[in-house]
Amino acid sequence: MPARRPGRGDRGQVAIEFVGTVPLILLLVAAVWECVLIGYAFSLAGNAADEAARAGAVHGDAACREAAREHIGEAWYMPPAECGKSGDIYKAKVTLGIPVFFPGLDFGQIHGTGGAALEKEAE
């Protein structure tokens, strides 16, 4: 068996590989977190639109907009919900700005739509 010479080998290799892969791992974590934020925004917009359509079918446009705002937190940018009748269906459309992990990026907006059957008024 040959003798090992001092100063040779792969000493320190693990430290170098760790330093090299940490930025890649952090970038991957940031990308996954951005995907989580976008998915949550889709879920939030859809739920708010469904709740707004239900409220609007029973109580009208003002209740529709209020219900949409109630189901979305204050931290989310949201223009007023679009509410209105479409035949026998009351429709609501909620728009949210896509949250970004890095300030300065703009990915656009997410639209959630919902509908509910119009309630018949008692005669």
N, C-alpha and C. Protein backbone atom coordinates (compact mmCIF):
# COMPACT_ATOMS: atom_id res chain seq x y z
N MET A 1 0.84 -1.17 0.00
CA MET A 1 0.00 0.00 0.00
C MET A 1 0.89 1.24 0.00
N PRO A 2 0.65 2.16 -0.92
CA PRO A 2 1.51 3.34 -0.99
C PRO A 2 1.25 4.27 0.19
N ALA A 3 2.27 4.93 0.63
CA ALA A 3 2.16 5.87 1.76
C ALA A 3 1.54 7.19 1.29
N ARG A 4 0.70 7.77 2.12
CA ARG A 4 0.08 9.06 1.79
C ARG A 4 1.09 10.18 2.02
N ARG A 5 1.16 11.05 1.08
CA ARG A 5 2.05 12.19 1.24
C ARG A 5 1.29 13.33 1.89
N PRO A 6 1.87 14.02 2.83
CA PRO A 6 1.18 15.13 3.46
C PRO A 6 0.87 16.23 2.45
N GLY A 7 -0.30 16.92 2.70
CA GLY A 7 -0.67 18.03 1.83
C GLY A 7 -1.44 17.61 0.59
N ARG A 8 -1.66 16.34 0.43
CA ARG A 8 -2.40 15.84 -0.73
C ARG A 8 -3.74 15.28 -0.29
N GLY A 9 -4.63 15.06 -1.21
CA GLY A 9 -5.92 14.46 -0.91
C GLY A 9 -7.05 15.46 -1.11
N ASP A 10 -8.19 15.11 -0.59
CA ASP A 10 -9.35 15.97 -0.78
C ASP A 10 -9.79 16.64 0.51
N ARG A 11 -8.84 16.99 1.33
CA ARG A 11 -9.17 17.74 2.55
C ARG A 11 -9.75 19.09 2.17
N GLY A 12 -10.85 19.45 2.82
CA GLY A 12 -11.49 20.74 2.54
C GLY A 12 -12.47 20.71 1.39
N GLN A 13 -12.58 19.59 0.72
CA GLN A 13 -13.48 19.50 -0.44
C GLN A 13 -14.93 19.73 -0.04
N VAL A 14 -15.34 19.20 1.08
CA VAL A 14 -16.72 19.34 1.53
C VAL A 14 -17.04 20.81 1.78
N ALA A 15 -16.12 21.54 2.37
CA ALA A 15 -16.35 22.97 2.64
C ALA A 15 -16.52 23.75 1.34
N ILE A 16 -15.71 23.45 0.35
CA ILE A 16 -15.80 24.14 -0.95
C ILE A 16 -17.13 23.81 -1.64
N GLU A 17 -17.52 22.55 -1.62
CA GLU A 17 -18.79 22.17 -2.24
C GLU A 17 -19.97 22.81 -1.53
N PHE A 18 -19.90 22.90 -0.21
CA PHE A 18 -20.98 23.52 0.56
C PHE A 18 -21.12 24.98 0.19
N VAL A 19 -20.02 25.70 0.14
CA VAL A 19 -20.04 27.13 -0.21
C VAL A 19 -20.57 27.32 -1.63
N GLY A 20 -20.26 26.40 -2.51
CA GLY A 20 -20.71 26.52 -3.90
C GLY A 20 -22.18 26.21 -4.09
N THR A 21 -22.73 25.33 -3.28
CA THR A 21 -24.13 24.94 -3.48
C THR A 21 -25.12 25.76 -2.66
N VAL A 22 -24.67 26.46 -1.63
CA VAL A 22 -25.60 27.24 -0.79
C VAL A 22 -26.38 28.26 -1.61
N PRO A 23 -25.75 29.05 -2.50
CA PRO A 23 -26.55 30.00 -3.30
C PRO A 23 -27.60 29.30 -4.16
N LEU A 24 -27.26 28.16 -4.71
CA LEU A 24 -28.23 27.43 -5.53
C LEU A 24 -29.40 26.94 -4.69
N ILE A 25 -29.11 26.46 -3.52
CA ILE A 25 -30.17 25.99 -2.62
C ILE A 25 -31.07 27.15 -2.21
N LEU A 26 -30.49 28.29 -1.89
CA LEU A 26 -31.29 29.46 -1.50
C LEU A 26 -32.15 29.96 -2.66
N LEU A 27 -31.61 29.93 -3.87
CA LEU A 27 -32.39 30.32 -5.04
C LEU A 27 -33.56 29.37 -5.27
N LEU A 28 -33.33 28.09 -5.08
CA LEU A 28 -34.41 27.11 -5.22
C LEU A 28 -35.48 27.31 -4.16
N VAL A 29 -35.09 27.57 -2.93
CA VAL A 29 -36.06 27.83 -1.85
C VAL A 29 -36.89 29.08 -2.17
N ALA A 30 -36.25 30.13 -2.68
CA ALA A 30 -36.98 31.35 -3.04
C ALA A 30 -37.97 31.08 -4.16
N ALA A 31 -37.59 30.29 -5.15
CA ALA A 31 -38.49 29.98 -6.26
C ALA A 31 -39.69 29.15 -5.78
N VAL A 32 -39.44 28.20 -4.91
CA VAL A 32 -40.54 27.39 -4.37
C VAL A 32 -41.48 28.26 -3.53
N TRP A 33 -40.92 29.17 -2.74
CA TRP A 33 -41.77 30.05 -1.92
C TRP A 33 -42.62 30.95 -2.80
N GLU A 34 -42.08 31.44 -3.91
CA GLU A 34 -42.85 32.27 -4.83
C GLU A 34 -44.01 31.46 -5.41
N CYS A 35 -43.77 30.20 -5.73
CA CYS A 35 -44.85 29.34 -6.23
C CYS A 35 -45.93 29.14 -5.17
N VAL A 36 -45.54 29.01 -3.92
CA VAL A 36 -46.51 28.88 -2.83
C VAL A 36 -47.34 30.14 -2.72
N LEU A 37 -46.71 31.31 -2.80
CA LEU A 37 -47.45 32.57 -2.73
C LEU A 37 -48.45 32.71 -3.87
N ILE A 38 -48.05 32.33 -5.06
CA ILE A 38 -48.94 32.43 -6.22
C ILE A 38 -50.12 31.45 -6.07
N GLY A 39 -49.85 30.24 -5.64
CA GLY A 39 -50.93 29.27 -5.43
C GLY A 39 -51.92 29.73 -4.37
N TYR A 40 -51.39 30.30 -3.29
CA TYR A 40 -52.27 30.81 -2.23
C TYR A 40 -53.11 31.97 -2.75
N ALA A 41 -52.54 32.81 -3.58
CA ALA A 41 -53.30 33.94 -4.15
C ALA A 41 -54.43 33.43 -5.04
N PHE A 42 -54.18 32.39 -5.83
CA PHE A 42 -55.25 31.81 -6.65
C PHE A 42 -56.38 31.28 -5.77
N SER A 43 -56.03 30.59 -4.71
CA SER A 43 -57.02 30.04 -3.80
C SER A 43 -57.82 31.15 -3.12
N LEU A 44 -57.13 32.18 -2.69
CA LEU A 44 -57.77 33.31 -2.01
C LEU A 44 -58.72 34.05 -2.94
N ALA A 45 -58.29 34.31 -4.18
CA ALA A 45 -59.12 35.02 -5.14
C ALA A 45 -60.38 34.21 -5.50
N GLY A 46 -60.22 32.91 -5.69
CA GLY A 46 -61.37 32.07 -6.02
C GLY A 46 -62.38 32.01 -4.89
N ASN A 47 -61.90 31.85 -3.67
CA ASN A 47 -62.80 31.81 -2.52
C ASN A 47 -63.52 33.13 -2.33
N ALA A 48 -62.80 34.24 -2.46
CA ALA A 48 -63.43 35.56 -2.30
C ALA A 48 -64.49 35.79 -3.38
N ALA A 49 -64.22 35.34 -4.61
CA ALA A 49 -65.20 35.51 -5.68
C ALA A 49 -66.44 34.66 -5.43
N ASP A 50 -66.27 33.44 -4.95
CA ASP A 50 -67.42 32.59 -4.64
C ASP A 50 -68.27 33.21 -3.53
N GLU A 51 -67.62 33.66 -2.47
CA GLU A 51 -68.37 34.27 -1.36
C GLU A 51 -69.05 35.56 -1.81
N ALA A 52 -68.40 36.34 -2.65
CA ALA A 52 -68.99 37.59 -3.14
C ALA A 52 -70.20 37.29 -4.02
N ALA A 53 -70.11 36.28 -4.86
CA ALA A 53 -71.25 35.93 -5.73
C ALA A 53 -72.44 35.46 -4.90
N ARG A 54 -72.18 34.67 -3.85
CA ARG A 54 -73.29 34.23 -2.99
C ARG A 54 -73.97 35.42 -2.31
N ALA A 55 -73.16 36.33 -1.78
CA ALA A 55 -73.72 37.50 -1.11
C ALA A 55 -74.46 38.39 -2.11
N GLY A 56 -73.91 38.55 -3.29
CA GLY A 56 -74.55 39.39 -4.30
C GLY A 56 -75.85 38.81 -4.82
N ALA A 57 -75.94 37.49 -4.91
CA ALA A 57 -77.16 36.86 -5.39
C ALA A 57 -78.33 37.12 -4.45
N VAL A 58 -78.03 37.28 -3.17
CA VAL A 58 -79.09 37.49 -2.18
C VAL A 58 -79.31 38.98 -1.90
N HIS A 59 -78.22 39.75 -1.77
CA HIS A 59 -78.35 41.13 -1.28
C HIS A 59 -77.94 42.21 -2.28
N GLY A 60 -77.40 41.88 -3.44
CA GLY A 60 -77.08 42.90 -4.44
C GLY A 60 -75.60 43.24 -4.53
N ASP A 61 -75.33 44.25 -5.39
CA ASP A 61 -73.95 44.62 -5.72
C ASP A 61 -73.13 45.10 -4.53
N ALA A 62 -73.69 45.92 -3.68
CA ALA A 62 -72.92 46.45 -2.54
C ALA A 62 -72.48 45.32 -1.61
N ALA A 63 -73.36 44.36 -1.38
CA ALA A 63 -73.02 43.22 -0.53
C ALA A 63 -71.95 42.35 -1.20
N CYS A 64 -72.01 42.28 -2.51
CA CYS A 64 -71.01 41.49 -3.26
C CYS A 64 -69.62 42.08 -3.06
N ARG A 65 -69.49 43.38 -3.25
CA ARG A 65 -68.18 44.02 -3.08
C ARG A 65 -67.68 43.93 -1.64
N GLU A 66 -68.59 44.09 -0.70
CA GLU A 66 -68.21 44.01 0.72
C GLU A 66 -67.75 42.60 1.09
N ALA A 67 -68.45 41.59 0.59
CA ALA A 67 -68.07 40.21 0.89
C ALA A 67 -66.71 39.87 0.29
N ALA A 68 -66.43 40.38 -0.90
CA ALA A 68 -65.13 40.13 -1.52
C ALA A 68 -64.02 40.76 -0.68
N ARG A 69 -64.23 41.98 -0.23
CA ARG A 69 -63.22 42.68 0.58
C ARG A 69 -63.05 41.99 1.93
N GLU A 70 -64.13 41.48 2.48
CA GLU A 70 -64.09 40.83 3.80
C GLU A 70 -63.25 39.54 3.78
N HIS A 71 -63.25 38.84 2.65
CA HIS A 71 -62.55 37.56 2.57
C HIS A 71 -61.11 37.69 2.07
N ILE A 72 -60.65 38.92 1.90
CA ILE A 72 -59.26 39.14 1.49
C ILE A 72 -58.62 40.05 2.53
N GLY A 73 -57.45 39.69 3.01
CA GLY A 73 -56.77 40.48 4.02
C GLY A 73 -56.38 41.86 3.52
N GLU A 74 -56.12 42.76 4.46
CA GLU A 74 -55.76 44.13 4.12
C GLU A 74 -54.40 44.21 3.42
N ALA A 75 -53.55 43.24 3.60
CA ALA A 75 -52.21 43.29 3.02
C ALA A 75 -52.23 43.03 1.50
N TRP A 76 -53.31 42.48 0.99
CA TRP A 76 -53.38 42.16 -0.43
C TRP A 76 -53.93 43.35 -1.20
N TYR A 77 -53.29 43.66 -2.32
CA TYR A 77 -53.82 44.71 -3.20
C TYR A 77 -55.01 44.14 -3.95
N MET A 78 -56.12 44.86 -3.87
CA MET A 78 -57.31 44.38 -4.55
C MET A 78 -58.17 45.55 -5.02
N PRO A 79 -58.35 45.72 -6.34
CA PRO A 79 -59.32 46.71 -6.80
C PRO A 79 -60.73 46.20 -6.48
N PRO A 80 -61.73 47.06 -6.52
CA PRO A 80 -63.09 46.59 -6.19
C PRO A 80 -63.52 45.42 -7.08
N ALA A 81 -64.26 44.51 -6.48
CA ALA A 81 -64.74 43.34 -7.22
C ALA A 81 -65.74 43.77 -8.28
N GLU A 82 -65.74 43.04 -9.39
CA GLU A 82 -66.73 43.28 -10.44
C GLU A 82 -67.90 42.34 -10.19
N CYS A 83 -69.08 42.91 -9.98
CA CYS A 83 -70.26 42.12 -9.65
C CYS A 83 -71.40 42.45 -10.61
N GLY A 84 -72.20 41.46 -10.94
CA GLY A 84 -73.36 41.72 -11.79
C GLY A 84 -74.09 40.45 -12.18
N LYS A 85 -75.30 40.65 -12.71
CA LYS A 85 -76.13 39.53 -13.15
C LYS A 85 -75.75 39.14 -14.57
N SER A 86 -75.87 37.85 -14.83
CA SER A 86 -75.67 37.32 -16.17
C SER A 86 -76.72 36.23 -16.36
N GLY A 87 -77.89 36.64 -16.82
CA GLY A 87 -79.01 35.70 -16.93
C GLY A 87 -79.53 35.36 -15.55
N ASP A 88 -79.60 34.07 -15.24
CA ASP A 88 -80.07 33.61 -13.93
C ASP A 88 -78.92 33.40 -12.95
N ILE A 89 -77.73 33.83 -13.34
CA ILE A 89 -76.54 33.65 -12.50
C ILE A 89 -76.03 35.03 -12.08
N TYR A 90 -75.62 35.12 -10.84
CA TYR A 90 -74.95 36.33 -10.36
C TYR A 90 -73.47 36.04 -10.33
N LYS A 91 -72.69 36.83 -11.06
CA LYS A 91 -71.25 36.57 -11.19
C LYS A 91 -70.43 37.62 -10.47
N ALA A 92 -69.30 37.18 -9.95
CA ALA A 92 -68.35 38.09 -9.30
C ALA A 92 -66.95 37.76 -9.81
N LYS A 93 -66.17 38.81 -10.01
CA LYS A 93 -64.78 38.64 -10.44
C LYS A 93 -63.90 39.43 -9.49
N VAL A 94 -62.95 38.74 -8.88
CA VAL A 94 -62.02 39.35 -7.92
C VAL A 94 -60.63 39.33 -8.54
N THR A 95 -59.94 40.46 -8.47
CA THR A 95 -58.59 40.58 -9.02
C THR A 95 -57.62 40.87 -7.89
N LEU A 96 -56.54 40.12 -7.85
CA LEU A 96 -55.48 40.33 -6.86
C LEU A 96 -54.16 40.52 -7.57
N GLY A 97 -53.31 41.38 -7.00
CA GLY A 97 -51.94 41.48 -7.49
C GLY A 97 -51.17 40.26 -7.04
N ILE A 98 -50.34 39.70 -7.91
CA ILE A 98 -49.54 38.53 -7.54
C ILE A 98 -48.46 38.98 -6.56
N PRO A 99 -48.39 38.35 -5.39
CA PRO A 99 -47.35 38.72 -4.44
C PRO A 99 -45.99 38.25 -4.94
N VAL A 100 -44.98 39.06 -4.68
CA VAL A 100 -43.63 38.69 -5.11
C VAL A 100 -42.70 38.63 -3.92
N PHE A 101 -41.80 37.70 -3.97
CA PHE A 101 -40.82 37.52 -2.91
C PHE A 101 -39.75 38.61 -2.97
N PHE A 102 -39.42 39.03 -4.19
CA PHE A 102 -38.42 40.08 -4.38
C PHE A 102 -39.10 41.36 -4.81
N PRO A 103 -38.94 42.46 -4.07
CA PRO A 103 -39.55 43.73 -4.45
C PRO A 103 -39.04 44.19 -5.82
N GLY A 104 -39.92 44.84 -6.55
CA GLY A 104 -39.54 45.34 -7.86
C GLY A 104 -39.98 44.45 -9.00
N LEU A 105 -40.26 43.20 -8.73
CA LEU A 105 -40.75 42.31 -9.77
C LEU A 105 -42.26 42.47 -9.90
N ASP A 106 -42.76 42.33 -11.12
CA ASP A 106 -44.20 42.43 -11.33
C ASP A 106 -44.63 41.26 -12.21
N PHE A 107 -45.39 40.35 -11.63
CA PHE A 107 -45.86 39.18 -12.37
C PHE A 107 -47.28 39.35 -12.89
N GLY A 108 -47.91 40.49 -12.64
CA GLY A 108 -49.26 40.72 -13.14
C GLY A 108 -50.32 40.51 -12.07
N GLN A 109 -51.48 40.05 -12.51
CA GLN A 109 -52.61 39.89 -11.60
C GLN A 109 -53.24 38.51 -11.74
N ILE A 110 -53.94 38.14 -10.70
CA ILE A 110 -54.69 36.88 -10.67
C ILE A 110 -56.17 37.23 -10.63
N HIS A 111 -56.95 36.52 -11.42
CA HIS A 111 -58.39 36.76 -11.45
C HIS A 111 -59.12 35.52 -10.93
N GLY A 112 -60.00 35.74 -9.97
CA GLY A 112 -60.85 34.68 -9.46
C GLY A 112 -62.29 34.99 -9.84
N THR A 113 -63.00 34.01 -10.35
CA THR A 113 -64.39 34.23 -10.73
C THR A 113 -65.29 33.27 -9.97
N GLY A 114 -66.48 33.73 -9.70
CA GLY A 114 -67.45 32.89 -8.99
C GLY A 114 -68.85 33.22 -9.48
N GLY A 115 -69.74 32.30 -9.30
CA GLY A 115 -71.12 32.50 -9.70
C GLY A 115 -72.06 31.80 -8.74
N ALA A 116 -73.25 32.35 -8.63
CA ALA A 116 -74.29 31.76 -7.79
C ALA A 116 -75.64 31.99 -8.44
N ALA A 117 -76.53 31.05 -8.26
CA ALA A 117 -77.88 31.19 -8.79
C ALA A 117 -78.59 32.34 -8.09
N LEU A 118 -79.30 33.15 -8.87
CA LEU A 118 -80.04 34.26 -8.28
C LEU A 118 -81.18 33.75 -7.42
N GLU A 119 -81.37 34.34 -6.28
CA GLU A 119 -82.44 33.98 -5.37
C GLU A 119 -83.74 34.60 -5.87
N LYS A 120 -84.80 33.82 -5.84
CA LYS A 120 -86.11 34.33 -6.23
C LYS A 120 -86.68 35.13 -5.08
N GLU A 121 -87.17 36.32 -5.38
CA GLU A 121 -87.77 37.14 -4.34
C GLU A 121 -89.15 36.61 -3.99
N ALA A 122 -89.48 36.68 -2.71
CA ALA A 122 -90.80 36.23 -2.25
C ALA A 122 -91.86 37.19 -2.76
N GLU A 123 -92.96 36.63 -3.23
CA GLU A 123 -94.03 37.48 -3.75
C GLU A 123 -95.12 37.66 -2.74
